[in-house]
PDB file of N, CA and C in Angstrom:
ATOM      1  N   UNK A   1     188.915  98.708 137.782  1.00  0.00           N
ATOM      2  CA  UNK A   1     188.834  99.422 138.710  1.00  0.00           C
ATOM      3  C   UNK A   1     188.390  98.617 139.821  1.00  0.00           C
ATOM      4  N   UNK A   2     188.294  99.237 140.948  1.00  0.00           N
ATOM      5  CA  UNK A   2     187.133  97.827 141.777  1.00  0.00           C
ATOM      6  C   UNK A   2     187.500  98.852 142.965  1.00  0.00           C
ATOM      7  N   UNK A   3     186.087  98.128 143.811  1.00  0.00           N
ATOM      8  CA  UNK A   3     185.825  99.345 144.036  1.00  0.00           C
ATOM      9  C   UNK A   3     186.264 100.304 145.174  1.00  0.00           C
ATOM     10  N   UNK A   4     186.320  99.947 145.855  1.00  0.00           N
ATOM     11  CA  UNK A   4     187.356 101.287 147.136  1.00  0.00           C
ATOM     12  C   UNK A   4     187.650 102.405 145.700  1.00  0.00           C
ATOM     13  N   UNK A   5     188.512 102.022 144.487  1.00  0.00           N
ATOM     14  CA  UNK A   5     188.563 103.805 143.311  1.00  0.00           C
ATOM     15  C   UNK A   5     187.355 103.933 142.722  1.00  0.00           C
ATOM     16  N   UNK A   6     186.713 102.627 142.744  1.00  0.00           N
ATOM     17  CA  UNK A   6     185.093 103.360 142.488  1.00  0.00           C
ATOM     18  C   UNK A   6     185.353 104.020 143.634  1.00  0.00           C
ATOM     19  N   UNK A   7     184.792 104.214 144.761  1.00  0.00           N
ATOM     20  CA  UNK A   7     184.271 105.312 145.970  1.00  0.00           C
ATOM     21  C   UNK A   7     185.428 107.043 145.821  1.00  0.00           C
ATOM     22  N   UNK A   8     186.432 106.562 145.429  1.00  0.00           N
ATOM     23  CA  UNK A   8     187.239 107.494 145.960  1.00  0.00           C
ATOM     24  C   UNK A   8     187.110 108.586 144.175  1.00  0.00           C
ATOM     25  N   UNK A   9     186.776 107.113 143.100  1.00  0.00           N
ATOM     26  CA  UNK A   9     187.124 108.956 141.356  1.00  0.00           C
ATOM     27  C   UNK A   9     185.667 109.156 142.021  1.00  0.00           C
ATOM     28  N   UNK A  10     185.077 108.625 142.764  1.00  0.00           N
ATOM     29  CA  UNK A  10     183.196 109.659 142.324  1.00  0.00           C
ATOM     30  C   UNK A  10     182.463 109.877 143.934  1.00  0.00           C
ATOM     31  N   UNK A  11     183.904 109.769 144.715  1.00  0.00           N
ATOM     32  CA  UNK A  11     183.965 110.489 145.902  1.00  0.00           C
ATOM     33  C   UNK A  11     182.220 109.675 147.121  1.00  0.00           C
ATOM     34  N   UNK A  12     181.858 108.844 146.577  1.00  0.00           N
ATOM     35  CA  UNK A  12     180.945 108.107 147.079  1.00  0.00           C
ATOM     36  C   UNK A  12     180.958 107.605 148.769  1.00  0.00           C
ATOM     37  N   UNK A  13     180.043 108.224 149.043  1.00  0.00           N
ATOM     38  CA  UNK A  13     179.745 107.016 150.587  1.00  0.00           C
ATOM     39  C   UNK A  13     180.196 105.498 150.897  1.00  0.00           C
ATOM     40  N   UNK A  14     181.173 104.683 151.671  1.00  0.00           N
ATOM     41  CA  UNK A  14     180.846 103.462 151.636  1.00  0.00           C
ATOM     42  C   UNK A  14     180.134 103.260 153.113  1.00  0.00           C
ATOM     43  N   UNK A  15     178.461 102.973 152.115  1.00  0.00           N
ATOM     44  CA  UNK A  15     178.590 102.002 153.615  1.00  0.00           C
ATOM     45  C   UNK A  15     178.711 101.121 154.150  1.00  0.00           C
ATOM     46  N   UNK A  16     178.415 100.093 153.589  1.00  0.00           N
ATOM     47  CA  UNK A  16     179.240  98.827 153.561  1.00  0.00           C
ATOM     48  C   UNK A  16     180.291  97.742 152.744  1.00  0.00           C
ATOM     49  N   UNK A  17     181.616  98.054 152.911  1.00  0.00           N
ATOM     50  CA  UNK A  17     182.608  97.914 152.441  1.00  0.00           C
ATOM     51  C   UNK A  17     183.532  96.602 152.814  1.00  0.00           C
ATOM     52  N   UNK A  18     182.523  94.909 152.349  1.00  0.00           N
ATOM     53  CA  UNK A  18     183.750  94.080 153.089  1.00  0.00           C
ATOM     54  C   UNK A  18     184.730  94.016 151.627  1.00  0.00           C
ATOM     55  N   UNK A  19     184.439  94.085 150.947  1.00  0.00           N
ATOM     56  CA  UNK A  19     184.672  93.462 149.871  1.00  0.00           C
ATOM     57  C   UNK A  19     185.799  94.966 148.573  1.00  0.00           C
ATOM     58  N   UNK A  20     185.363  95.686 148.889  1.00  0.00           N
ATOM     59  CA  UNK A  20     186.522  96.604 148.827  1.00  0.00           C
ATOM     60  C   UNK A  20     187.729  96.222 147.131  1.00  0.00           C
ATOM     61  N   UNK A  21     188.533  95.637 147.045  1.00  0.00           N
ATOM     62  CA  UNK A  21     188.911  95.499 146.463  1.00  0.00           C
ATOM     63  C   UNK A  21     188.807  94.781 145.495  1.00  0.00           C
ATOM     64  N   UNK A  22     187.499  93.755 145.027  1.00  0.00           N
ATOM     65  CA  UNK A  22     186.611  93.330 143.858  1.00  0.00           C
ATOM     66  C   UNK A  22     186.281  94.285 143.026  1.00  0.00           C
ATOM     67  N   UNK A  23     187.032  93.451 141.803  1.00  0.00           N
ATOM     68  CA  UNK A  23     186.241  95.080 140.344  1.00  0.00           C
ATOM     69  C   UNK A  23     184.885  94.961 140.333  1.00  0.00           C
ATOM     70  N   UNK A  24     185.389  95.581 139.494  1.00  0.00           N
ATOM     71  CA  UNK A  24     184.108  96.215 139.074  1.00  0.00           C
ATOM     72  C   UNK A  24     183.923  97.021 137.707  1.00  0.00           C
ATOM     73  N   UNK A  25     182.942  95.715 136.213  1.00  0.00           N
ATOM     74  CA  UNK A  25     183.476  95.442 134.493  1.00  0.00           C
ATOM     75  C   UNK A  25     182.098  96.289 134.155  1.00  0.00           C
ATOM     76  N   UNK A  26     182.059  96.862 134.446  1.00  0.00           N
ATOM     77  CA  UNK A  26     180.223  97.890 133.903  1.00  0.00           C
ATOM     78  C   UNK A  26     179.353  98.923 134.537  1.00  0.00           C
ATOM     79  N   UNK A  27     178.463  98.480 134.722  1.00  0.00           N
ATOM     80  CA  UNK A  27     177.217  99.338 135.153  1.00  0.00           C
ATOM     81  C   UNK A  27     176.546  98.700 135.043  1.00  0.00           C
ATOM     82  N   UNK A  28     175.467  98.485 135.927  1.00  0.00           N
ATOM     83  CA  UNK A  28     174.250  98.304 135.622  1.00  0.00           C
ATOM     84  C   UNK A  28     172.979  99.232 135.759  1.00  0.00           C
ATOM     85  N   UNK A  29     171.767 100.567 135.659  1.00  0.00           N
ATOM     86  CA  UNK A  29     171.421 100.749 136.532  1.00  0.00           C
ATOM     87  C   UNK A  29     169.944 100.263 136.375  1.00  0.00           C
ATOM     88  N   UNK A  30     169.080 100.780 136.961  1.00  0.00           N
ATOM     89  CA  UNK A  30     167.394 100.156 137.637  1.00  0.00           C
ATOM     90  C   UNK A  30     167.263  99.161 138.678  1.00  0.00           C
ATOM     91  N   UNK A  31     165.616  99.585 138.446  1.00  0.00           N
ATOM     92  CA  UNK A  31     164.681  99.556 139.924  1.00  0.00           C
ATOM     93  C   UNK A  31     163.879  98.177 140.339  1.00  0.00           C
ATOM     94  N   UNK A  32     163.585  97.773 139.360  1.00  0.00           N
ATOM     95  CA  UNK A  32     162.308  96.826 139.344  1.00  0.00           C
ATOM     96  C   UNK A  32     163.389  95.695 138.929  1.00  0.00           C
ATOM     97  N   UNK A  33     163.312  94.753 140.282  1.00  0.00           N
ATOM     98  CA  UNK A  33     164.155  94.284 141.868  1.00  0.00           C
ATOM     99  C   UNK A  33     164.352  92.923 140.165  1.00  0.00           C
ATOM    100  N   UNK A  34     162.999  91.870 139.837  1.00  0.00           N
ATOM    101  CA  UNK A  34     162.966  90.595 138.876  1.00  0.00           C
ATOM    102  C   UNK A  34     163.923  91.708 137.651  1.00  0.00           C
ATOM    103  N   UNK A  35     164.072  92.750 136.563  1.00  0.00           N
ATOM    104  CA  UNK A  35     164.756  92.545 135.958  1.00  0.00           C
ATOM    105  C   UNK A  35     166.300  92.740 136.560  1.00  0.00           C
ATOM    106  N   UNK A  36     166.675  93.674 137.202  1.00  0.00           N
ATOM    107  CA  UNK A  36     167.746  92.940 137.663  1.00  0.00           C
ATOM    108  C   UNK A  36     168.685  92.100 137.435  1.00  0.00           C
ATOM    109  N   UNK A  37     167.914  90.882 137.678  1.00  0.00           N
ATOM    110  CA  UNK A  37     168.426  89.833 138.367  1.00  0.00           C
ATOM    111  C   UNK A  37     168.540  89.011 137.373  1.00  0.00           C
ATOM    112  N   UNK A  38     167.527  89.595 136.481  1.00  0.00           N
ATOM    113  CA  UNK A  38     167.564  88.427 134.968  1.00  0.00           C
ATOM    114  C   UNK A  38     168.746  89.705 133.960  1.00  0.00           C
ATOM    115  N   UNK A  39     169.001  90.532 134.307  1.00  0.00           N
ATOM    116  CA  UNK A  39     169.601  91.739 133.144  1.00  0.00           C
ATOM    117  C   UNK A  39     171.687  92.098 133.569  1.00  0.00           C
ATOM    118  N   UNK A  40     171.076  92.675 135.212  1.00  0.00           N
ATOM    119  CA  UNK A  40     172.176  92.637 134.993  1.00  0.00           C
ATOM    120  C   UNK A  40     173.877  91.731 135.127  1.00  0.00           C
ATOM    121  N   UNK A  41     175.203  92.251 135.208  1.00  0.00           N
ATOM    122  CA  UNK A  41     176.048  91.275 134.748  1.00  0.00           C
ATOM    123  C   UNK A  41     176.513  91.701 136.151  1.00  0.00           C
ATOM    124  N   UNK A  42     177.141  89.929 135.984  1.00  0.00           N
ATOM    125  CA  UNK A  42     178.577  89.465 136.830  1.00  0.00           C
ATOM    126  C   UNK A  42     179.262  90.616 137.180  1.00  0.00           C
ATOM    127  N   UNK A  43     180.748  91.690 137.791  1.00  0.00           N
ATOM    128  CA  UNK A  43     181.228  92.563 138.039  1.00  0.00           C
ATOM    129  C   UNK A  43     180.233  93.776 137.382  1.00  0.00           C
ATOM    130  N   UNK A  44     179.148  93.877 138.093  1.00  0.00           N
ATOM    131  CA  UNK A  44     178.433  95.508 137.487  1.00  0.00           C
ATOM    132  C   UNK A  44     178.372  96.577 138.568  1.00  0.00           C
ATOM    133  N   UNK A  45     178.815  97.318 138.420  1.00  0.00           N
ATOM    134  CA  UNK A  45     178.016  98.340 139.336  1.00  0.00           C
ATOM    135  C   UNK A  45     176.484  98.530 139.677  1.00  0.00           C
ATOM    136  N   UNK A  46     175.981  98.537 140.653  1.00  0.00           N
ATOM    137  CA  UNK A  46     173.907  97.846 140.323  1.00  0.00           C
ATOM    138  C   UNK A  46     173.597  99.435 140.760  1.00  0.00           C
ATOM    139  N   UNK A  47     173.158 100.098 140.224  1.00  0.00           N
ATOM    140  CA  UNK A  47     172.587 102.401 140.436  1.00  0.00           C
ATOM    141  C   UNK A  47     171.007 101.535 140.684  1.00  0.00           C
ATOM    142  N   UNK A  48     170.787 101.818 141.739  1.00  0.00           N
ATOM    143  CA  UNK A  48     169.614 102.416 141.928  1.00  0.00           C
ATOM    144  C   UNK A  48     168.753 102.423 143.334  1.00  0.00           C
ATOM    145  N   UNK A  49     167.837 103.311 143.064  1.00  0.00           N
ATOM    146  CA  UNK A  49     167.395 103.900 144.470  1.00  0.00           C
ATOM    147  C   UNK A  49     166.073 102.736 144.651  1.00  0.00           C
ATOM    148  N   UNK A  50     166.171 102.193 144.789  1.00  0.00           N
ATOM    149  CA  UNK A  50     165.437 100.741 146.030  1.00  0.00           C
ATOM    150  C   UNK A  50     166.447 100.770 147.085  1.00  0.00           C
ATOM    151  N   UNK A  51     165.260 100.486 148.257  1.00  0.00           N
ATOM    152  CA  UNK A  51     166.635 100.298 149.419  1.00  0.00           C
ATOM    153  C   UNK A  51     165.962  99.172 150.502  1.00  0.00           C
ATOM    154  N   UNK A  52     165.101  98.702 150.418  1.00  0.00           N
ATOM    155  CA  UNK A  52     164.389  97.368 151.335  1.00  0.00           C
ATOM    156  C   UNK A  52     165.813  96.083 150.630  1.00  0.00           C
ATOM    157  N   UNK A  53     165.950  95.326 151.437  1.00  0.00           N
ATOM    158  CA  UNK A  53     166.066  94.353 152.494  1.00  0.00           C
ATOM    159  C   UNK A  53     166.439  93.431 150.877  1.00  0.00           C
ATOM    160  N   UNK A  54     165.276  93.495 150.162  1.00  0.00           N
ATOM    161  CA  UNK A  54     165.205  92.461 148.898  1.00  0.00           C
ATOM    162  C   UNK A  54     166.189  93.134 148.425  1.00  0.00           C
ATOM    163  N   UNK A  55     167.501  93.706 147.784  1.00  0.00           N
ATOM    164  CA  UNK A  55     168.274  94.253 146.930  1.00  0.00           C
ATOM    165  C   UNK A  55     169.209  93.236 147.431  1.00  0.00           C
ATOM    166  N   UNK A  56     169.482  93.045 148.963  1.00  0.00           N
ATOM    167  CA  UNK A  56     170.695  91.861 149.391  1.00  0.00           C
ATOM    168  C   UNK A  56     170.659  91.243 148.346  1.00  0.00           C
ATOM    169  N   UNK A  57     170.261  90.995 148.219  1.00  0.00           N
ATOM    170  CA  UNK A  57     169.073  89.001 147.385  1.00  0.00           C
ATOM    171  C   UNK A  57     169.407  88.782 146.347  1.00  0.00           C
ATOM    172  N   UNK A  58     168.524  90.370 145.261  1.00  0.00           N
ATOM    173  CA  UNK A  58     168.959  90.580 144.259  1.00  0.00           C
ATOM    174  C   UNK A  58     170.439  90.427 144.319  1.00  0.00           C
ATOM    175  N   UNK A  59     171.438  91.637 144.916  1.00  0.00           N
ATOM    176  CA  UNK A  59     173.010  91.968 144.164  1.00  0.00           C
ATOM    177  C   UNK A  59     173.534  90.383 144.265  1.00  0.00           C
ATOM    178  N   UNK A  60     173.667  89.350 145.358  1.00  0.00           N
ATOM    179  CA  UNK A  60     173.846  88.187 145.537  1.00  0.00           C
ATOM    180  C   UNK A  60     173.472  87.085 144.359  1.00  0.00           C
ATOM    181  N   UNK A  61     172.318  86.970 144.378  1.00  0.00           N
ATOM    182  CA  UNK A  61     172.099  85.948 142.633  1.00  0.00           C
ATOM    183  C   UNK A  61     172.771  86.962 141.598  1.00  0.00           C
ATOM    184  N   UNK A  62     172.720  87.799 141.659  1.00  0.00           N
ATOM    185  CA  UNK A  62     173.262  88.955 140.077  1.00  0.00           C
ATOM    186  C   UNK A  62     175.145  88.630 140.159  1.00  0.00           C
ATOM    187  N   UNK A  63     174.891  89.393 141.715  1.00  0.00           N
ATOM    188  CA  UNK A  63     176.633  88.775 141.922  1.00  0.00           C
ATOM    189  C   UNK A  63     177.228  89.670 141.419  1.00  0.00           C
ATOM    190  N   UNK A  64     176.795  91.604 141.292  1.00  0.00           N
ATOM    191  CA  UNK A  64     177.782  92.303 141.006  1.00  0.00           C
ATOM    192  C   UNK A  64     178.198  92.523 142.369  1.00  0.00           C
ATOM    193  N   UNK A  65     179.445  93.768 142.095  1.00  0.00           N
ATOM    194  CA  UNK A  65     180.192  94.455 142.615  1.00  0.00           C
ATOM    195  C   UNK A  65     179.618  95.423 143.775  1.00  0.00           C
ATOM    196  N   UNK A  66     179.008  95.903 143.412  1.00  0.00           N
ATOM    197  CA  UNK A  66     178.948  96.904 144.564  1.00  0.00           C
ATOM    198  C   UNK A  66     177.594  96.609 144.041  1.00  0.00           C
ATOM    199  N   UNK A  67     175.867  97.798 145.399  1.00  0.00           N
ATOM    200  CA  UNK A  67     174.923  98.945 144.807  1.00  0.00           C
ATOM    201  C   UNK A  67     175.819  99.872 144.684  1.00  0.00           C
ATOM    202  N   UNK A  68     174.774 100.091 143.985  1.00  0.00           N
ATOM    203  CA  UNK A  68     175.620 102.113 144.516  1.00  0.00           C
ATOM    204  C   UNK A  68     173.937 102.829 144.446  1.00  0.00           C
ATOM    205  N   UNK A  69     173.589 103.846 146.143  1.00  0.00           N
ATOM    206  CA  UNK A  69     172.184 103.951 146.143  1.00  0.00           C
ATOM    207  C   UNK A  69     172.212 106.166 145.659  1.00  0.00           C
ATOM    208  N   UNK A  70     171.198 105.945 144.371  1.00  0.00           N
ATOM    209  CA  UNK A  70     171.989 107.326 144.555  1.00  0.00           C
ATOM    210  C   UNK A  70     170.608 108.125 145.650  1.00  0.00           C
ATOM    211  N   UNK A  71     170.341 109.909 144.331  1.00  0.00           N
ATOM    212  CA  UNK A  71     169.337 109.996 145.721  1.00  0.00           C
ATOM    213  C   UNK A  71     169.594 110.398 147.117  1.00  0.00           C
ATOM    214  N   UNK A  72     170.368 109.580 147.690  1.00  0.00           N
ATOM    215  CA  UNK A  72     170.580 110.219 148.739  1.00  0.00           C
ATOM    216  C   UNK A  72     169.438 109.368 149.640  1.00  0.00           C
ATOM    217  N   UNK A  73     169.474 107.712 149.572  1.00  0.00           N
ATOM    218  CA  UNK A  73     168.651 106.985 149.818  1.00  0.00           C
ATOM    219  C   UNK A  73     169.783 106.520 150.640  1.00  0.00           C
ATOM    220  N   UNK A  74     169.061 106.154 151.571  1.00  0.00           N
ATOM    221  CA  UNK A  74     169.659 105.625 152.756  1.00  0.00           C
ATOM    222  C   UNK A  74     168.946 104.089 153.786  1.00  0.00           C
ATOM    223  N   UNK A  75     169.556 103.732 154.115  1.00  0.00           N
ATOM    224  CA  UNK A  75     169.298 102.034 154.240  1.00  0.00           C
ATOM    225  C   UNK A  75     168.979 101.898 155.880  1.00  0.00           C
ATOM    226  N   UNK A  76     167.581 101.068 155.660  1.00  0.00           N
ATOM    227  CA  UNK A  76     167.716 100.399 157.610  1.00  0.00           C
ATOM    228  C   UNK A  76     168.375  99.270 157.918  1.00  0.00           C
ATOM    229  N   UNK A  77     168.630  99.330 159.112  1.00  0.00           N
ATOM    230  CA  UNK A  77     170.126  98.466 159.971  1.00  0.00           C
ATOM    231  C   UNK A  77     169.971  97.214 159.190  1.00  0.00           C
ATOM    232  N   UNK A  78     168.900  96.707 159.064  1.00  0.00           N
ATOM    233  CA  UNK A  78     168.079  95.241 158.891  1.00  0.00           C
ATOM    234  C   UNK A  78     169.204  95.152 157.857  1.00  0.00           C
ATOM    235  N   UNK A  79     168.762  96.043 156.491  1.00  0.00           N
ATOM    236  CA  UNK A  79     169.446  95.936 155.350  1.00  0.00           C
ATOM    237  C   UNK A  79     171.288  95.721 155.413  1.00  0.00           C
ATOM    238  N   UNK A  80     171.472  96.579 155.829  1.00  0.00           N
ATOM    239  CA  UNK A  80     172.746  96.712 156.175  1.00  0.00           C
ATOM    240  C   UNK A  80     173.965  95.502 156.883  1.00  0.00           C
ATOM    241  N   UNK A  81     172.731  95.168 158.146  1.00  0.00           N
ATOM    242  CA  UNK A  81     173.062  93.732 158.280  1.00  0.00           C
ATOM    243  C   UNK A  81     173.331  92.618 157.943  1.00  0.00           C
ATOM    244  N   UNK A  82     172.521  92.139 156.619  1.00  0.00           N
ATOM    245  CA  UNK A  82     172.109  91.650 156.209  1.00  0.00           C
ATOM    246  C   UNK A  82     173.509  91.850 154.498  1.00  0.00           C
ATOM    247  N   UNK A  83     174.305  92.417 153.952  1.00  0.00           N
ATOM    248  CA  UNK A  83     174.584  93.090 153.810  1.00  0.00           C
ATOM    249  C   UNK A  83     175.635  92.795 154.154  1.00  0.00           C
ATOM    250  N   UNK A  84     176.355  92.885 154.840  1.00  0.00           N
ATOM    251  CA  UNK A  84     177.779  92.423 155.968  1.00  0.00           C
ATOM    252  C   UNK A  84     177.968  91.164 155.501  1.00  0.00           C
ATOM    253  N   UNK A  85     176.730  90.909 156.340  1.00  0.00           N
ATOM    254  CA  UNK A  85     176.709  89.016 156.689  1.00  0.00           C
ATOM    255  C   UNK A  85     176.246  88.725 155.529  1.00  0.00           C
ATOM    256  N   UNK A  86     176.989  88.774 153.979  1.00  0.00           N
ATOM    257  CA  UNK A  86     176.812  88.520 152.643  1.00  0.00           C
ATOM    258  C   UNK A  86     177.050  88.520 152.007  1.00  0.00           C
ATOM    259  N   UNK A  87     178.080  89.567 152.551  1.00  0.00           N
ATOM    260  CA  UNK A  87     179.663  90.068 151.700  1.00  0.00           C
ATOM    261  C   UNK A  87     179.457  91.220 149.968  1.00  0.00           C
ATOM    262  N   UNK A  88     178.103  92.203 150.274  1.00  0.00           N
ATOM    263  CA  UNK A  88     177.340  93.128 149.893  1.00  0.00           C
ATOM    264  C   UNK A  88     177.532  94.410 149.926  1.00  0.00           C
ATOM    265  N   UNK A  89     179.073  94.696 149.250  1.00  0.00           N
ATOM    266  CA  UNK A  89     179.247  96.054 149.027  1.00  0.00           C
ATOM    267  C   UNK A  89     177.799  97.120 148.380  1.00  0.00           C
ATOM    268  N   UNK A  90     177.944  98.066 149.923  1.00  0.00           N
ATOM    269  CA  UNK A  90     176.686  99.447 149.580  1.00  0.00           C
ATOM    270  C   UNK A  90     177.156 100.494 149.125  1.00  0.00           C
ATOM    271  N   UNK A  91     178.000 101.533 148.349  1.00  0.00           N
ATOM    272  CA  UNK A  91     177.839 102.498 148.201  1.00  0.00           C
ATOM    273  C   UNK A  91     176.505 103.752 147.973  1.00  0.00           C
ATOM    274  N   UNK A  92     176.557 105.231 148.690  1.00  0.00           N
ATOM    275  CA  UNK A  92     175.527 105.839 148.467  1.00  0.00           C
ATOM    276  C   UNK A  92     176.160 107.045 148.076  1.00  0.00           C
ATOM    277  N   UNK A  93     175.507 107.467 147.431  1.00  0.00           N
ATOM    278  CA  UNK A  93     175.204 109.474 146.856  1.00  0.00           C
ATOM    279  C   UNK A  93     174.074 110.161 146.584  1.00  0.00           C
ATOM    280  N   UNK A  94     175.022 111.707 146.883  1.00  0.00           N
ATOM    281  CA  UNK A  94     173.522 112.402 146.295  1.00  0.00           C
ATOM    282  C   UNK A  94     172.669 112.544 145.651  1.00  0.00           C
ATOM    283  N   UNK A  95     174.194 112.459 144.103  1.00  0.00           N
ATOM    284  CA  UNK A  95     174.032 113.201 142.739  1.00  0.00           C
ATOM    285  C   UNK A  95     172.298 112.271 142.407  1.00  0.00           C
ATOM    286  N   UNK A  96     171.868 112.048 141.585  1.00  0.00           N
ATOM    287  CA  UNK A  96     170.500 111.491 141.205  1.00  0.00           C
ATOM    288  C   UNK A  96     171.491 110.288 140.205  1.00  0.00           C
ATOM    289  N   UNK A  97     170.863 110.000 138.869  1.00  0.00           N
ATOM    290  CA  UNK A  97     170.306 108.406 138.449  1.00  0.00           C
ATOM    291  C   UNK A  97     171.719 108.544 137.740  1.00  0.00           C
ATOM    292  N   UNK A  98     170.974 110.018 137.008  1.00  0.00           N
ATOM    293  CA  UNK A  98     171.619 110.380 135.964  1.00  0.00           C
ATOM    294  C   UNK A  98     172.838 111.554 136.018  1.00  0.00           C
ATOM    295  N   UNK A  99     173.058 111.704 137.046  1.00  0.00           N
ATOM    296  CA  UNK A  99     174.105 112.114 137.437  1.00  0.00           C
ATOM    297  C   UNK A  99     175.829 111.838 137.823  1.00  0.00           C
ATOM    298  N   UNK A 100     174.582 110.220 137.733  1.00  0.00           N
ATOM    299  CA  UNK A 100     175.430 108.780 138.861  1.00  0.00           C
ATOM    300  C   UNK A 100     176.342 108.269 137.414  1.00  0.00           C
ATOM    301  N   UNK A 101     175.220 108.279 136.453  1.00  0.00           N
ATOM    302  CA  UNK A 101     175.551 107.352 135.403  1.00  0.00           C
ATOM    303  C   UNK A 101     176.031 108.595 133.846  1.00  0.00           C
ATOM    304  N   UNK A 102     176.064 109.698 134.044  1.00  0.00           N
ATOM    305  CA  UNK A 102     177.451 110.386 133.648  1.00  0.00           C
ATOM    306  C   UNK A 102     178.671 110.308 134.316  1.00  0.00           C
ATOM    307  N   UNK A 103     179.051 110.735 135.059  1.00  0.00           N
ATOM    308  CA  UNK A 103     180.011 110.469 135.958  1.00  0.00           C
ATOM    309  C   UNK A 103     180.785 108.968 135.639  1.00  0.00           C
ATOM    310  N   UNK A 104     179.849 108.293 135.908  1.00  0.00           N
ATOM    311  CA  UNK A 104     180.244 106.784 135.752  1.00  0.00           C
ATOM    312  C   UNK A 104     180.533 106.362 134.697  1.00  0.00           C
ATOM    313  N   UNK A 105     180.450 107.004 133.986  1.00  0.00           N
ATOM    314  CA  UNK A 105     180.566 106.946 131.412  1.00  0.00           C
ATOM    315  C   UNK A 105     181.664 108.106 132.359  1.00  0.00           C
ATOM    316  N   UNK A 106     181.687 108.465 133.123  1.00  0.00           N
ATOM    317  CA  UNK A 106     183.111 110.331 132.325  1.00  0.00           C
ATOM    318  C   UNK A 106     184.949 109.383 133.076  1.00  0.00           C
ATOM    319  N   UNK A 107     184.917 107.943 133.651  1.00  0.00           N
ATOM    320  CA  UNK A 107     184.960 107.403 133.988  1.00  0.00           C
ATOM    321  C   UNK A 107     186.099 105.855 133.762  1.00  0.00           C
ATOM    322  N   UNK A 108     185.132 105.403 132.217  1.00  0.00           N
ATOM    323  CA  UNK A 108     185.072 104.449 131.426  1.00  0.00           C
ATOM    324  C   UNK A 108     184.125 103.427 132.247  1.00  0.00           C
ATOM    325  N   UNK A 109     183.463 103.945 132.873  1.00  0.00           N
ATOM    326  CA  UNK A 109     182.410 102.015 133.146  1.00  0.00           C
ATOM    327  C   UNK A 109     180.717 102.653 132.227  1.00  0.00           C
TER     328      UNK A 109
END
């Protein structure tokens, strides 16, 4: 499934979407950035409530396909600008991390 398909299937809000054709091959859920760096796999969708600039660095290092911000989290312009410059897809939803995890499981991720 691509990031674009993920957006459509789960009615997610694309905040920054420079590479919507990137494949999503799994999911990692976590908020401790050092933990995510060591455990998220390439092409995972990363679900978090973190919104600081470091999420872009972690997403780049872990080579995740997208960041999904749960629970209505919003981003400052600096984070959006950096994500766009680095080619990091960021999506958002008002769903809780649990609700999002259940929805991701229902669509086979």
